[in-house]
Amino acid sequence: MAVNMESSSDNPWRTSIPASYRPGIVIRGTVTKVEERGIAVQLEPGLEGRLAASALPAPLAIGQTVEVAIVRVHPTAKQITLSLRWIGPF
């Protein structure tokens, strides 16, 4: 996540991100990184979530559009955990 705010009142990890990205919400994103331990998915500009590589039924490629479900938002760690819902073009 590229967002780094000075003031806690302006910190999106304390306000808008947990409000917008709640567990169970399904969202489309774009694969931005493919690593051995996991996949990074861009949810919006400057905001990525992570998919565990062990949870993937098939390889994913950078630029691929995926549908993911929000599993957990970790505001303190500034991380969003995802699960894969569907792979394919939209």
PDB file of N, CA and C in Angstrom:
ATOM      1  N   MET A   1       0.838  -1.172   0.000  1.00  0.00           N
ATOM      2  CA  MET A   1       0.000   0.000   0.000  1.00  0.00           C
ATOM      3  C   MET A   1       0.879   1.230   0.000  1.00  0.00           C
ATOM      4  N   ALA A   2       0.637   2.139  -0.891  1.00  0.00           N
ATOM      5  CA  ALA A   2       1.472   3.310  -1.054  1.00  0.00           C
ATOM      6  C   ALA A   2       1.035   4.490  -0.189  1.00  0.00           C
ATOM      7  N   VAL A   3      -0.116   4.393   0.452  1.00  0.00           N
ATOM      8  CA  VAL A   3      -0.618   5.519   1.235  1.00  0.00           C
ATOM      9  C   VAL A   3       0.153   5.623   2.538  1.00  0.00           C
ATOM     10  N   ASN A   4       0.666   6.810   2.853  1.00  0.00           N
ATOM     11  CA  ASN A   4       1.379   7.038   4.101  1.00  0.00           C
ATOM     12  C   ASN A   4       1.020   8.430   4.593  1.00  0.00           C
ATOM     13  N   MET A   5       0.125   8.520   5.540  1.00  0.00           N
ATOM     14  CA  MET A   5      -0.351   9.807   6.022  1.00  0.00           C
ATOM     15  C   MET A   5       0.287  10.144   7.368  1.00  0.00           C
ATOM     16  N   GLU A   6       0.530  11.429   7.606  1.00  0.00           N
ATOM     17  CA  GLU A   6       1.099  11.894   8.855  1.00  0.00           C
ATOM     18  C   GLU A   6       0.069  11.880   9.983  1.00  0.00           C
ATOM     19  N   SER A   7      -1.085  12.438   9.753  1.00  0.00           N
ATOM     20  CA  SER A   7      -2.108  12.571  10.786  1.00  0.00           C
ATOM     21  C   SER A   7      -2.973  11.325  10.856  1.00  0.00           C
ATOM     22  N   SER A   8      -3.202  10.821  12.072  1.00  0.00           N
ATOM     23  CA  SER A   8      -4.034   9.619  12.209  1.00  0.00           C
ATOM     24  C   SER A   8      -5.474   9.889  11.799  1.00  0.00           C
ATOM     25  N   SER A   9      -5.934  11.143  11.915  1.00  0.00           N
ATOM     26  CA  SER A   9      -7.301  11.451  11.509  1.00  0.00           C
ATOM     27  C   SER A   9      -7.455  11.416   9.990  1.00  0.00           C
ATOM     28  N   ASP A  10      -6.349  11.596   9.263  1.00  0.00           N
ATOM     29  CA  ASP A  10      -6.365  11.542   7.806  1.00  0.00           C
ATOM     30  C   ASP A  10      -5.908  10.182   7.282  1.00  0.00           C
ATOM     31  N   ASN A  11      -5.579   9.275   8.180  1.00  0.00           N
ATOM     32  CA  ASN A  11      -5.060   7.970   7.793  1.00  0.00           C
ATOM     33  C   ASN A  11      -6.194   7.101   7.241  1.00  0.00           C
ATOM     34  N   PRO A  12      -6.169   6.778   5.937  1.00  0.00           N
ATOM     35  CA  PRO A  12      -7.246   5.982   5.359  1.00  0.00           C
ATOM     36  C   PRO A  12      -7.331   4.579   5.948  1.00  0.00           C
ATOM     37  N   TRP A  13      -6.239   4.080   6.540  1.00  0.00           N
ATOM     38  CA  TRP A  13      -6.267   2.747   7.167  1.00  0.00           C
ATOM     39  C   TRP A  13      -7.084   2.758   8.454  1.00  0.00           C
ATOM     40  N   ARG A  14      -7.356   3.925   8.996  1.00  0.00           N
ATOM     41  CA  ARG A  14      -8.193   4.034  10.194  1.00  0.00           C
ATOM     42  C   ARG A  14      -9.635   4.399   9.855  1.00  0.00           C
ATOM     43  N   THR A  15      -9.854   4.901   8.647  1.00  0.00           N
ATOM     44  CA  THR A  15     -11.191   5.409   8.316  1.00  0.00           C
ATOM     45  C   THR A  15     -11.765   4.777   7.051  1.00  0.00           C
ATOM     46  N   SER A  16     -11.375   5.277   5.901  1.00  0.00           N
ATOM     47  CA  SER A  16     -12.040   4.903   4.647  1.00  0.00           C
ATOM     48  C   SER A  16     -11.761   3.482   4.181  1.00  0.00           C
ATOM     49  N   ILE A  17     -10.564   2.970   4.401  1.00  0.00           N
ATOM     50  CA  ILE A  17     -10.265   1.614   3.916  1.00  0.00           C
ATOM     51  C   ILE A  17     -11.096   0.574   4.670  1.00  0.00           C
ATOM     52  N   PRO A  18     -11.109   0.562   6.020  1.00  0.00           N
ATOM     53  CA  PRO A  18     -11.966  -0.421   6.706  1.00  0.00           C
ATOM     54  C   PRO A  18     -13.454  -0.234   6.407  1.00  0.00           C
ATOM     55  N   ALA A  19     -13.874   0.986   6.137  1.00  0.00           N
ATOM     56  CA  ALA A  19     -15.285   1.232   5.816  1.00  0.00           C
ATOM     57  C   ALA A  19     -15.645   0.734   4.422  1.00  0.00           C
ATOM     58  N   SER A  20     -14.723   0.844   3.485  1.00  0.00           N
ATOM     59  CA  SER A  20     -14.987   0.468   2.094  1.00  0.00           C
ATOM     60  C   SER A  20     -14.684  -0.991   1.786  1.00  0.00           C
ATOM     61  N   TYR A  21     -13.723  -1.559   2.486  1.00  0.00           N
ATOM     62  CA  TYR A  21     -13.275  -2.924   2.201  1.00  0.00           C
ATOM     63  C   TYR A  21     -13.535  -3.815   3.418  1.00  0.00           C
ATOM     64  N   ARG A  22     -14.782  -4.253   3.542  1.00  0.00           N
ATOM     65  CA  ARG A  22     -15.184  -5.099   4.659  1.00  0.00           C
ATOM     66  C   ARG A  22     -15.142  -6.567   4.250  1.00  0.00           C
ATOM     67  N   PRO A  23     -14.880  -7.472   5.193  1.00  0.00           N
ATOM     68  CA  PRO A  23     -14.891  -8.901   4.875  1.00  0.00           C
ATOM     69  C   PRO A  23     -16.199  -9.309   4.196  1.00  0.00           C
ATOM     70  N   GLY A  24     -16.051 -10.130   3.160  1.00  0.00           N
ATOM     71  CA  GLY A  24     -17.203 -10.620   2.404  1.00  0.00           C
ATOM     72  C   GLY A  24     -17.495  -9.848   1.132  1.00  0.00           C
ATOM     73  N   ILE A  25     -16.985  -8.632   1.026  1.00  0.00           N
ATOM     74  CA  ILE A  25     -17.202  -7.840  -0.185  1.00  0.00           C
ATOM     75  C   ILE A  25     -16.410  -8.468  -1.332  1.00  0.00           C
ATOM     76  N   VAL A  26     -17.047  -8.574  -2.489  1.00  0.00           N
ATOM     77  CA  VAL A  26     -16.393  -9.100  -3.689  1.00  0.00           C
ATOM     78  C   VAL A  26     -16.070  -7.918  -4.602  1.00  0.00           C
ATOM     79  N   ILE A  27     -14.848  -7.899  -5.119  1.00  0.00           N
ATOM     80  CA  ILE A  27     -14.387  -6.777  -5.927  1.00  0.00           C
ATOM     81  C   ILE A  27     -13.477  -7.292  -7.041  1.00  0.00           C
ATOM     82  N   ARG A  28     -13.447  -6.581  -8.148  1.00  0.00           N
ATOM     83  CA  ARG A  28     -12.531  -6.902  -9.243  1.00  0.00           C
ATOM     84  C   ARG A  28     -11.242  -6.124  -9.043  1.00  0.00           C
ATOM     85  N   GLY A  29     -10.152  -6.777  -9.392  1.00  0.00           N
ATOM     86  CA  GLY A  29      -8.854  -6.131  -9.300  1.00  0.00           C
ATOM     87  C   GLY A  29      -7.934  -6.651 -10.384  1.00  0.00           C
ATOM     88  N   THR A  30      -6.748  -6.099 -10.425  1.00  0.00           N
ATOM     89  CA  THR A  30      -5.753  -6.466 -11.423  1.00  0.00           C
ATOM     90  C   THR A  30      -4.507  -6.995 -10.729  1.00  0.00           C
ATOM     91  N   VAL A  31      -4.006  -8.125 -11.189  1.00  0.00           N
ATOM     92  CA  VAL A  31      -2.789  -8.707 -10.638  1.00  0.00           C
ATOM     93  C   VAL A  31      -1.620  -7.782 -10.967  1.00  0.00           C
ATOM     94  N   THR A  32      -0.873  -7.369  -9.922  1.00  0.00           N
ATOM     95  CA  THR A  32       0.264  -6.465 -10.122  1.00  0.00           C
ATOM     96  C   THR A  32       1.597  -7.118  -9.824  1.00  0.00           C
ATOM     97  N   LYS A  33       1.608  -8.161  -9.004  1.00  0.00           N
ATOM     98  CA  LYS A  33       2.842  -8.881  -8.670  1.00  0.00           C
ATOM     99  C   LYS A  33       2.522 -10.356  -8.507  1.00  0.00           C
ATOM    100  N   VAL A  34       3.436 -11.182  -8.989  1.00  0.00           N
ATOM    101  CA  VAL A  34       3.330 -12.622  -8.795  1.00  0.00           C
ATOM    102  C   VAL A  34       4.626 -13.055  -8.118  1.00  0.00           C
ATOM    103  N   GLU A  35       4.502 -13.531  -6.880  1.00  0.00           N
ATOM    104  CA  GLU A  35       5.660 -13.972  -6.116  1.00  0.00           C
ATOM    105  C   GLU A  35       5.429 -15.390  -5.626  1.00  0.00           C
ATOM    106  N   GLU A  36       6.473 -16.012  -5.152  1.00  0.00           N
ATOM    107  CA  GLU A  36       6.374 -17.390  -4.685  1.00  0.00           C
ATOM    108  C   GLU A  36       5.369 -17.548  -3.556  1.00  0.00           C
ATOM    109  N   ARG A  37       5.310 -16.586  -2.645  1.00  0.00           N
ATOM    110  CA  ARG A  37       4.432 -16.695  -1.477  1.00  0.00           C
ATOM    111  C   ARG A  37       3.041 -16.125  -1.695  1.00  0.00           C
ATOM    112  N   GLY A  38       2.863 -15.318  -2.728  1.00  0.00           N
ATOM    113  CA  GLY A  38       1.548 -14.734  -2.919  1.00  0.00           C
ATOM    114  C   GLY A  38       1.445 -13.825  -4.113  1.00  0.00           C
ATOM    115  N   ILE A  39       0.239 -13.344  -4.316  1.00  0.00           N
ATOM    116  CA  ILE A  39      -0.100 -12.496  -5.449  1.00  0.00           C
ATOM    117  C   ILE A  39      -0.612 -11.160  -4.910  1.00  0.00           C
ATOM    118  N   ALA A  40      -0.149 -10.056  -5.505  1.00  0.00           N
ATOM    119  CA  ALA A  40      -0.662  -8.732  -5.165  1.00  0.00           C
ATOM    120  C   ALA A  40      -1.722  -8.357  -6.185  1.00  0.00           C
ATOM    121  N   VAL A  41      -2.854  -7.860  -5.697  1.00  0.00           N
ATOM    122  CA  VAL A  41      -3.965  -7.455  -6.558  1.00  0.00           C
ATOM    123  C   VAL A  41      -4.296  -5.999  -6.268  1.00  0.00           C
ATOM    124  N   GLN A  42      -4.257  -5.171  -7.315  1.00  0.00           N
ATOM    125  CA  GLN A  42      -4.617  -3.767  -7.154  1.00  0.00           C
ATOM    126  C   GLN A  42      -6.131  -3.657  -7.068  1.00  0.00           C
ATOM    127  N   LEU A  43      -6.608  -3.093  -5.956  1.00  0.00           N
ATOM    128  CA  LEU A  43      -8.037  -2.915  -5.738  1.00  0.00           C
ATOM    129  C   LEU A  43      -8.500  -1.542  -6.211  1.00  0.00           C
ATOM    130  N   GLU A  44      -7.622  -0.576  -6.091  1.00  0.00           N
ATOM    131  CA  GLU A  44      -7.817   0.787  -6.589  1.00  0.00           C
ATOM    132  C   GLU A  44      -6.421   1.385  -6.680  1.00  0.00           C
ATOM    133  N   PRO A  45      -6.246   2.506  -7.368  1.00  0.00           N
ATOM    134  CA  PRO A  45      -4.904   3.088  -7.459  1.00  0.00           C
ATOM    135  C   PRO A  45      -4.312   3.322  -6.068  1.00  0.00           C
ATOM    136  N   GLY A  46      -3.118   2.783  -5.844  1.00  0.00           N
ATOM    137  CA  GLY A  46      -2.431   2.946  -4.570  1.00  0.00           C
ATOM    138  C   GLY A  46      -2.826   1.966  -3.484  1.00  0.00           C
ATOM    139  N   LEU A  47      -3.739   1.040  -3.775  1.00  0.00           N
ATOM    140  CA  LEU A  47      -4.196   0.087  -2.759  1.00  0.00           C
ATOM    141  C   LEU A  47      -4.180  -1.330  -3.326  1.00  0.00           C
ATOM    142  N   GLU A  48      -3.412  -2.197  -2.669  1.00  0.00           N
ATOM    143  CA  GLU A  48      -3.320  -3.587  -3.088  1.00  0.00           C
ATOM    144  C   GLU A  48      -3.718  -4.506  -1.944  1.00  0.00           C
ATOM    145  N   GLY A  49      -4.229  -5.669  -2.306  1.00  0.00           N
ATOM    146  CA  GLY A  49      -4.496  -6.737  -1.364  1.00  0.00           C
ATOM    147  C   GLY A  49      -3.630  -7.922  -1.747  1.00  0.00           C
ATOM    148  N   ARG A  50      -3.595  -8.927  -0.873  1.00  0.00           N
ATOM    149  CA  ARG A  50      -2.744 -10.094  -1.104  1.00  0.00           C
ATOM    150  C   ARG A  50      -3.558 -11.377  -1.128  1.00  0.00           C
ATOM    151  N   LEU A  51      -3.218 -12.231  -2.086  1.00  0.00           N
ATOM    152  CA  LEU A  51      -3.750 -13.591  -2.188  1.00  0.00           C
ATOM    153  C   LEU A  51      -2.618 -14.549  -1.853  1.00  0.00           C
ATOM    154  N   ALA A  52      -2.857 -15.522  -0.995  1.00  0.00           N
ATOM    155  CA  ALA A  52      -1.839 -16.526  -0.703  1.00  0.00           C
ATOM    156  C   ALA A  52      -1.671 -17.437  -1.909  1.00  0.00           C
ATOM    157  N   ALA A  53      -0.445 -17.715  -2.283  1.00  0.00           N
ATOM    158  CA  ALA A  53      -0.170 -18.570  -3.436  1.00  0.00           C
ATOM    159  C   ALA A  53      -0.757 -19.969  -3.232  1.00  0.00           C
ATOM    160  N   SER A  54      -0.793 -20.429  -1.998  1.00  0.00           N
ATOM    161  CA  SER A  54      -1.316 -21.768  -1.713  1.00  0.00           C
ATOM    162  C   SER A  54      -2.816 -21.874  -1.964  1.00  0.00           C
ATOM    163  N   ALA A  55      -3.505 -20.736  -2.045  1.00  0.00           N
ATOM    164  CA  ALA A  55      -4.953 -20.736  -2.249  1.00  0.00           C
ATOM    165  C   ALA A  55      -5.347 -20.643  -3.722  1.00  0.00           C
ATOM    166  N   LEU A  56      -4.378 -20.628  -4.620  1.00  0.00           N
ATOM    167  CA  LEU A  56      -4.663 -20.438  -6.041  1.00  0.00           C
ATOM    168  C   LEU A  56      -4.831 -21.772  -6.758  1.00  0.00           C
ATOM    169  N   PRO A  57      -5.932 -21.937  -7.487  1.00  0.00           N
ATOM    170  CA  PRO A  57      -6.140 -23.174  -8.234  1.00  0.00           C
ATOM    171  C   PRO A  57      -5.347 -23.223  -9.545  1.00  0.00           C
ATOM    172  N   ALA A  58      -4.894 -22.068 -10.027  1.00  0.00           N
ATOM    173  CA  ALA A  58      -4.163 -21.983 -11.294  1.00  0.00           C
ATOM    174  C   ALA A  58      -3.231 -20.779 -11.228  1.00  0.00           C
ATOM    175  N   PRO A  59      -2.190 -20.778 -12.048  1.00  0.00           N
ATOM    176  CA  PRO A  59      -1.285 -19.624 -12.065  1.00  0.00           C
ATOM    177  C   PRO A  59      -2.002 -18.362 -12.549  1.00  0.00           C
ATOM    178  N   LEU A  60      -1.588 -17.243 -12.009  1.00  0.00           N
ATOM    179  CA  LEU A  60      -2.100 -15.946 -12.446  1.00  0.00           C
ATOM    180  C   LEU A  60      -0.966 -15.165 -13.093  1.00  0.00           C
ATOM    181  N   ALA A  61      -1.321 -14.228 -13.960  1.00  0.00           N
ATOM    182  CA  ALA A  61      -0.325 -13.423 -14.665  1.00  0.00           C
ATOM    183  C   ALA A  61      -0.523 -11.948 -14.353  1.00  0.00           C
ATOM    184  N   ILE A  62       0.555 -11.205 -14.361  1.00  0.00           N
ATOM    185  CA  ILE A  62       0.486  -9.764 -14.161  1.00  0.00           C
ATOM    186  C   ILE A  62      -0.418  -9.174 -15.236  1.00  0.00           C
ATOM    187  N   GLY A  63      -1.318  -8.303 -14.819  1.00  0.00           N
ATOM    188  CA  GLY A  63      -2.256  -7.668 -15.734  1.00  0.00           C
ATOM    189  C   GLY A  63      -3.591  -8.380 -15.832  1.00  0.00           C
ATOM    190  N   GLN A  64      -3.657  -9.586 -15.301  1.00  0.00           N
ATOM    191  CA  GLN A  64      -4.902 -10.359 -15.361  1.00  0.00           C
ATOM    192  C   GLN A  64      -5.936  -9.772 -14.400  1.00  0.00           C
ATOM    193  N   THR A  65      -7.180  -9.712 -14.845  1.00  0.00           N
ATOM    194  CA  THR A  65      -8.275  -9.254 -14.007  1.00  0.00           C
ATOM    195  C   THR A  65      -8.817 -10.437 -13.220  1.00  0.00           C
ATOM    196  N   VAL A  66      -9.019 -10.222 -11.920  1.00  0.00           N
ATOM    197  CA  VAL A  66      -9.538 -11.273 -11.055  1.00  0.00           C
ATOM    198  C   VAL A  66     -10.661 -10.716 -10.193  1.00  0.00           C
ATOM    199  N   GLU A  67     -11.529 -11.580  -9.784  1.00  0.00           N
ATOM    200  CA  GLU A  67     -12.568 -11.216  -8.828  1.00  0.00           C
ATOM    201  C   GLU A  67     -12.180 -11.850  -7.506  1.00  0.00           C
ATOM    202  N   VAL A  68     -12.076 -11.021  -6.473  1.00  0.00           N
ATOM    203  CA  VAL A  68     -11.618 -11.481  -5.167  1.00  0.00           C
ATOM    204  C   VAL A  68     -12.614 -11.086  -4.089  1.00  0.00           C
ATOM    205  N   ALA A  69     -12.577 -11.820  -2.995  1.00  0.00           N
ATOM    206  CA  ALA A  69     -13.382 -11.483  -1.821  1.00  0.00           C
ATOM    207  C   ALA A  69     -12.445 -10.974  -0.737  1.00  0.00           C
ATOM    208  N   ILE A  70     -12.873  -9.950  -0.036  1.00  0.00           N
ATOM    209  CA  ILE A  70     -12.105  -9.435   1.091  1.00  0.00           C
ATOM    210  C   ILE A  70     -12.266 -10.442   2.229  1.00  0.00           C
ATOM    211  N   VAL A  71     -11.166 -10.940   2.746  1.00  0.00           N
ATOM    212  CA  VAL A  71     -11.195 -11.876   3.864  1.00  0.00           C
ATOM    213  C   VAL A  71     -10.980 -11.131   5.174  1.00  0.00           C
ATOM    214  N   ARG A  72      -9.986 -10.249   5.176  1.00  0.00           N
ATOM    215  CA  ARG A  72      -9.663  -9.515   6.401  1.00  0.00           C
ATOM    216  C   ARG A  72      -8.927  -8.237   6.055  1.00  0.00           C
ATOM    217  N   VAL A  73      -9.222  -7.187   6.809  1.00  0.00           N
ATOM    218  CA  VAL A  73      -8.503  -5.921   6.689  1.00  0.00           C
ATOM    219  C   VAL A  73      -7.682  -5.770   7.969  1.00  0.00           C
ATOM    220  N   HIS A  74      -6.389  -5.549   7.809  1.00  0.00           N
ATOM    221  CA  HIS A  74      -5.468  -5.406   8.930  1.00  0.00           C
ATOM    222  C   HIS A  74      -4.984  -3.947   8.967  1.00  0.00           C
ATOM    223  N   PRO A  75      -5.737  -3.025   9.598  1.00  0.00           N
ATOM    224  CA  PRO A  75      -5.342  -1.607   9.567  1.00  0.00           C
ATOM    225  C   PRO A  75      -3.959  -1.330  10.148  1.00  0.00           C
ATOM    226  N   THR A  76      -3.598  -1.991  11.229  1.00  0.00           N
ATOM    227  CA  THR A  76      -2.300  -1.743  11.856  1.00  0.00           C
ATOM    228  C   THR A  76      -1.154  -2.164  10.941  1.00  0.00           C
ATOM    229  N   ALA A  77      -1.310  -3.310  10.268  1.00  0.00           N
ATOM    230  CA  ALA A  77      -0.276  -3.805   9.355  1.00  0.00           C
ATOM    231  C   ALA A  77      -0.414  -3.217   7.955  1.00  0.00           C
ATOM    232  N   LYS A  78      -1.487  -2.488   7.718  1.00  0.00           N
ATOM    233  CA  LYS A  78      -1.771  -1.896   6.403  1.00  0.00           C
ATOM    234  C   LYS A  78      -1.804  -2.965   5.325  1.00  0.00           C
ATOM    235  N   GLN A  79      -2.601  -4.010   5.585  1.00  0.00           N
ATOM    236  CA  GLN A  79      -2.723  -5.131   4.654  1.00  0.00           C
ATOM    237  C   GLN A  79      -4.183  -5.535   4.507  1.00  0.00           C
ATOM    238  N   ILE A  80      -4.495  -6.046   3.327  1.00  0.00           N
ATOM    239  CA  ILE A  80      -5.809  -6.622   3.055  1.00  0.00           C
ATOM    240  C   ILE A  80      -5.579  -8.035   2.543  1.00  0.00           C
ATOM    241  N   THR A  81      -6.213  -9.000   3.197  1.00  0.00           N
ATOM    242  CA  THR A  81      -6.117 -10.399   2.797  1.00  0.00           C
ATOM    243  C   THR A  81      -7.309 -10.723   1.910  1.00  0.00           C
ATOM    244  N   LEU A  82      -7.032 -11.400   0.798  1.00  0.00           N
ATOM    245  CA  LEU A  82      -8.054 -11.709  -0.201  1.00  0.00           C
ATOM    246  C   LEU A  82      -8.187 -13.204  -0.413  1.00  0.00           C
ATOM    247  N   SER A  83      -9.328 -13.609  -0.972  1.00  0.00           N
ATOM    248  CA  SER A  83      -9.482 -14.962  -1.494  1.00  0.00           C
ATOM    249  C   SER A  83      -9.983 -14.837  -2.916  1.00  0.00           C
ATOM    250  N   LEU A  84      -9.595 -15.769  -3.745  1.00  0.00           N
ATOM    251  CA  LEU A  84      -9.957 -15.742  -5.152  1.00  0.00           C
ATOM    252  C   LEU A  84     -11.399 -16.189  -5.353  1.00  0.00           C
ATOM    253  N   ARG A  85     -12.134 -15.438  -6.143  1.00  0.00           N
ATOM    254  CA  ARG A  85     -13.525 -15.775  -6.435  1.00  0.00           C
ATOM    255  C   ARG A  85     -13.688 -16.293  -7.841  1.00  0.00           C
ATOM    256  N   TRP A  86     -12.981 -15.699  -8.804  1.00  0.00           N
ATOM    257  CA  TRP A  86     -13.167 -16.058 -10.210  1.00  0.00           C
ATOM    258  C   TRP A  86     -11.994 -15.534 -11.005  1.00  0.00           C
ATOM    259  N   ILE A  87     -11.561 -16.305 -11.987  1.00  0.00           N
ATOM    260  CA  ILE A  87     -10.463 -15.875 -12.848  1.00  0.00           C
ATOM    261  C   ILE A  87     -10.997 -15.751 -14.273  1.00  0.00           C
ATOM    262  N   GLY A  88     -10.637 -14.678 -14.948  1.00  0.00           N
ATOM    263  CA  GLY A  88     -11.014 -14.594 -16.344  1.00  0.00           C
ATOM    264  C   GLY A  88     -11.149 -13.168 -16.836  1.00  0.00           C
ATOM    265  N   PRO A  89     -11.388 -13.003 -18.104  1.00  0.00           N
ATOM    266  CA  PRO A  89     -11.588 -11.668 -18.657  1.00  0.00           C
ATOM    267  C   PRO A  89     -12.974 -11.154 -18.299  1.00  0.00           C
ATOM    268  N   PHE A  90     -13.094  -9.848 -18.229  1.00  0.00           N
ATOM    269  CA  PHE A  90     -14.390  -9.223 -17.930  1.00  0.00           C
ATOM    270  C   PHE A  90     -14.780  -8.322 -19.068  1.00  0.00           C
TER     271      PHE A  90
END
